[in-house]
């Protein structure tokens, strides 16, 4: 891989195939992967539910991607978003690409006036971005320590979270 700097930018239509390939490769050996992560991104995009889609570009190659989509809390849209999937090519994992994508996406959400963001993920990784378990905000069927929230202004709401139906497939 080149030593070129990594640049974060918005997804372009011409990136879609590369995003699908890098997402599939990134999750190929992940312990909790469902094997459908690329399909989730495509379905969110096709449904107009992909609120933020950022890529990490190094030289001419895409090396990472992050998606954010709106969530519902107790059946209501409240300006909260879900982070994920986040994908980084295996040979670039551990180099800060994922962190840069997540930080850029969270900043974009704040600038757009979002109320907060949730993530289903590794409790050893996501607290560095400000995510924390909020016992009053739940994702049914998931161990509490793996579901975290980050309120941008004020406290996290109470209720049951539902991701876009693309995540259920």
Protein backbone atom coordinates (compact mmCIF):
# COMPACT_ATOMS: atom_id res chain seq x y z
CA UNK A 1 0.00 0.00 0.00
CA UNK A 2 1.20 3.49 -0.77
CA UNK A 3 2.44 5.91 1.88
CA UNK A 4 0.10 8.57 0.49
CA UNK A 5 -2.02 10.36 3.10
CA UNK A 6 -5.55 9.19 3.69
CA UNK A 7 -8.27 11.64 2.67
CA UNK A 8 -11.87 11.45 3.90
CA UNK A 9 -14.59 12.55 1.48
CA UNK A 10 -18.22 11.93 0.65
CA UNK A 11 -19.20 8.93 -1.41
CA UNK A 12 -19.53 9.40 -5.18
CA UNK A 13 -21.74 7.27 -7.42
CA UNK A 14 -18.58 5.88 -9.03
CA UNK A 15 -17.44 4.55 -5.60
CA UNK A 16 -20.31 2.12 -5.12
CA UNK A 17 -18.63 -0.99 -6.51
CA UNK A 18 -15.41 -0.30 -4.59
CA UNK A 19 -17.39 0.28 -1.38
CA UNK A 20 -19.13 -3.08 -1.79
CA UNK A 21 -15.82 -4.87 -2.44
CA UNK A 22 -13.94 -3.26 0.46
CA UNK A 23 -16.86 -3.85 2.83
CA UNK A 24 -17.02 -7.52 1.89
CA UNK A 25 -13.25 -7.87 2.32
CA UNK A 26 -13.22 -5.95 5.62
CA UNK A 27 -15.87 -8.20 7.17
CA UNK A 28 -14.72 -11.48 5.60
CA UNK A 29 -13.02 -12.71 8.81
CA UNK A 30 -14.69 -10.44 11.40
CA UNK A 31 -15.97 -12.57 14.30
CA UNK A 32 -19.46 -11.04 14.43
CA UNK A 33 -19.95 -10.39 10.72
CA UNK A 34 -23.22 -11.36 9.13
CA UNK A 35 -21.80 -11.50 5.61
CA UNK A 36 -24.43 -9.03 4.45
CA UNK A 37 -22.74 -5.75 5.36
CA UNK A 38 -22.28 -4.62 1.74
CA UNK A 39 -25.92 -5.48 1.02
CA UNK A 40 -27.00 -3.38 4.03
CA UNK A 41 -25.20 -0.35 2.61
CA UNK A 42 -26.73 -0.91 -0.85
CA UNK A 43 -30.21 -1.30 0.62
CA UNK A 44 -29.83 1.85 2.73
CA UNK A 45 -28.64 3.74 -0.35
CA UNK A 46 -31.47 2.40 -2.54
CA UNK A 47 -34.06 3.32 0.11
CA UNK A 48 -32.70 6.87 0.44
CA UNK A 49 -31.81 6.08 4.04
CA UNK A 50 -28.03 6.42 3.82
CA UNK A 51 -27.79 9.76 5.63
CA UNK A 52 -23.98 9.98 5.55
CA UNK A 53 -21.64 7.85 3.48
CA UNK A 54 -17.95 8.69 3.70
CA UNK A 55 -14.94 7.00 2.14
CA UNK A 56 -11.26 6.98 3.04
CA UNK A 57 -9.13 7.33 -0.05
CA UNK A 58 -5.41 6.65 -0.19
CA UNK A 59 -3.80 7.43 -3.49
CA UNK A 60 -6.25 6.12 -6.07
CA UNK A 61 -7.70 3.41 -3.83
CA UNK A 62 -10.59 3.37 -1.39
CA UNK A 63 -9.39 1.85 1.86
CA UNK A 64 -12.38 2.50 4.13
CA UNK A 65 -16.04 3.44 4.35
CA UNK A 66 -18.53 4.46 7.04
CA UNK A 67 -22.31 4.67 6.89
CA UNK A 68 -24.77 6.51 9.10
CA UNK A 69 -28.54 6.06 8.91
CA UNK A 70 -31.46 7.45 10.85
CA UNK A 71 -32.91 5.33 13.65
CA UNK A 72 -36.27 5.35 15.39
CA UNK A 73 -36.74 5.46 19.14
CA UNK A 74 -40.03 4.01 20.34
CA UNK A 75 -41.21 4.25 16.74
CA UNK A 76 -40.41 7.95 16.36
CA UNK A 77 -37.67 9.68 14.39
CA UNK A 78 -35.95 12.00 16.85
CA UNK A 79 -32.84 13.17 15.04
CA UNK A 80 -30.75 10.20 16.14
CA UNK A 81 -28.57 8.13 13.84
CA UNK A 82 -26.92 4.74 13.82
CA UNK A 83 -23.24 4.34 13.00
CA UNK A 84 -22.37 1.43 10.80
CA UNK A 85 -21.24 -0.48 9.05
CA UNK A 86 -17.72 0.88 9.20
CA UNK A 87 -15.27 -0.96 6.96
CA UNK A 88 -11.51 -0.79 6.52
CA UNK A 89 -9.45 -3.02 4.26
CA UNK A 90 -7.67 -5.65 6.35
CA UNK A 91 -4.17 -4.39 5.50
CA UNK A 92 -5.12 -0.88 6.69
CA UNK A 93 -6.89 -1.88 9.92
CA UNK A 94 -5.21 -0.55 13.03
CA UNK A 95 -3.78 2.45 11.15
CA UNK A 96 -6.42 5.00 12.22
CA UNK A 97 -8.52 4.86 9.04
CA UNK A 98 -11.67 3.71 10.82
CA UNK A 99 -11.23 6.28 13.57
CA UNK A 100 -10.81 9.08 11.02
CA UNK A 101 -13.99 7.98 9.22
CA UNK A 102 -15.98 7.78 12.45
CA UNK A 103 -14.76 11.18 13.68
CA UNK A 104 -15.56 12.81 10.33
CA UNK A 105 -19.04 11.29 10.30
CA UNK A 106 -19.80 12.31 13.88
CA UNK A 107 -18.63 15.84 13.11
CA UNK A 108 -20.92 15.94 10.06
CA UNK A 109 -23.86 14.77 12.19
CA UNK A 110 -23.17 17.52 14.73
CA UNK A 111 -22.93 20.15 11.99
CA UNK A 112 -26.22 18.92 10.52
CA UNK A 113 -27.96 19.35 13.89
CA UNK A 114 -28.39 15.69 14.82
CA UNK A 115 -29.35 14.95 18.41
CA UNK A 116 -27.07 11.95 18.78
CA UNK A 117 -25.78 8.65 17.51
CA UNK A 118 -25.87 5.01 18.57
CA UNK A 119 -23.56 2.14 17.73
CA UNK A 120 -23.67 -1.60 18.12
CA UNK A 121 -20.05 -2.59 18.51
CA UNK A 122 -16.97 -3.38 20.53
CA UNK A 123 -17.18 -1.83 24.02
CA UNK A 124 -13.38 -1.58 24.08
CA UNK A 125 -13.28 0.55 20.90
CA UNK A 126 -16.20 2.99 20.70
CA UNK A 127 -15.89 4.80 24.07
CA UNK A 128 -12.87 6.69 22.66
CA UNK A 129 -15.37 8.63 20.52
CA UNK A 130 -17.61 9.42 23.49
CA UNK A 131 -20.01 6.48 23.16
CA UNK A 132 -21.23 4.96 26.41
CA UNK A 133 -23.84 2.47 27.53
CA UNK A 134 -27.11 4.27 28.27
CA UNK A 135 -29.27 1.71 30.12
CA UNK A 136 -32.47 3.64 29.31
CA UNK A 137 -31.80 3.39 25.54
CA UNK A 138 -32.01 -0.23 24.40
CA UNK A 139 -31.65 -2.35 21.31
CA UNK A 140 -33.70 -5.51 21.97
CA UNK A 141 -31.85 -8.80 21.89
CA UNK A 142 -28.40 -7.26 22.28
CA UNK A 143 -26.19 -7.47 25.38
CA UNK A 144 -26.22 -4.04 27.01
CA UNK A 145 -22.45 -3.52 26.91
CA UNK A 146 -22.38 -3.72 23.08
CA UNK A 147 -24.98 -1.01 22.48
CA UNK A 148 -23.79 2.52 23.14
CA UNK A 149 -25.01 6.05 22.57
CA UNK A 150 -23.52 9.51 22.18
CA UNK A 151 -25.80 12.49 22.81
CA UNK A 152 -24.62 15.66 21.10
CA UNK A 153 -26.68 18.05 23.21
CA UNK A 154 -28.29 16.97 26.44
CA UNK A 155 -29.05 13.50 27.69
CA UNK A 156 -29.79 10.40 25.66
CA UNK A 157 -33.50 9.69 25.33
CA UNK A 158 -35.25 6.70 26.84
CA UNK A 159 -36.72 4.03 24.65
CA UNK A 160 -36.31 1.13 22.30
CA UNK A 161 -34.16 1.67 19.22
CA UNK A 162 -35.00 0.34 15.77
CA UNK A 163 -32.54 0.49 12.89
CA UNK A 164 -33.67 0.73 9.28
CA UNK A 165 -35.17 -2.55 7.98
CA UNK A 166 -32.02 -3.06 5.86
CA UNK A 167 -30.31 -4.27 9.03
CA UNK A 168 -32.90 -6.99 9.62
CA UNK A 169 -32.23 -8.89 6.39
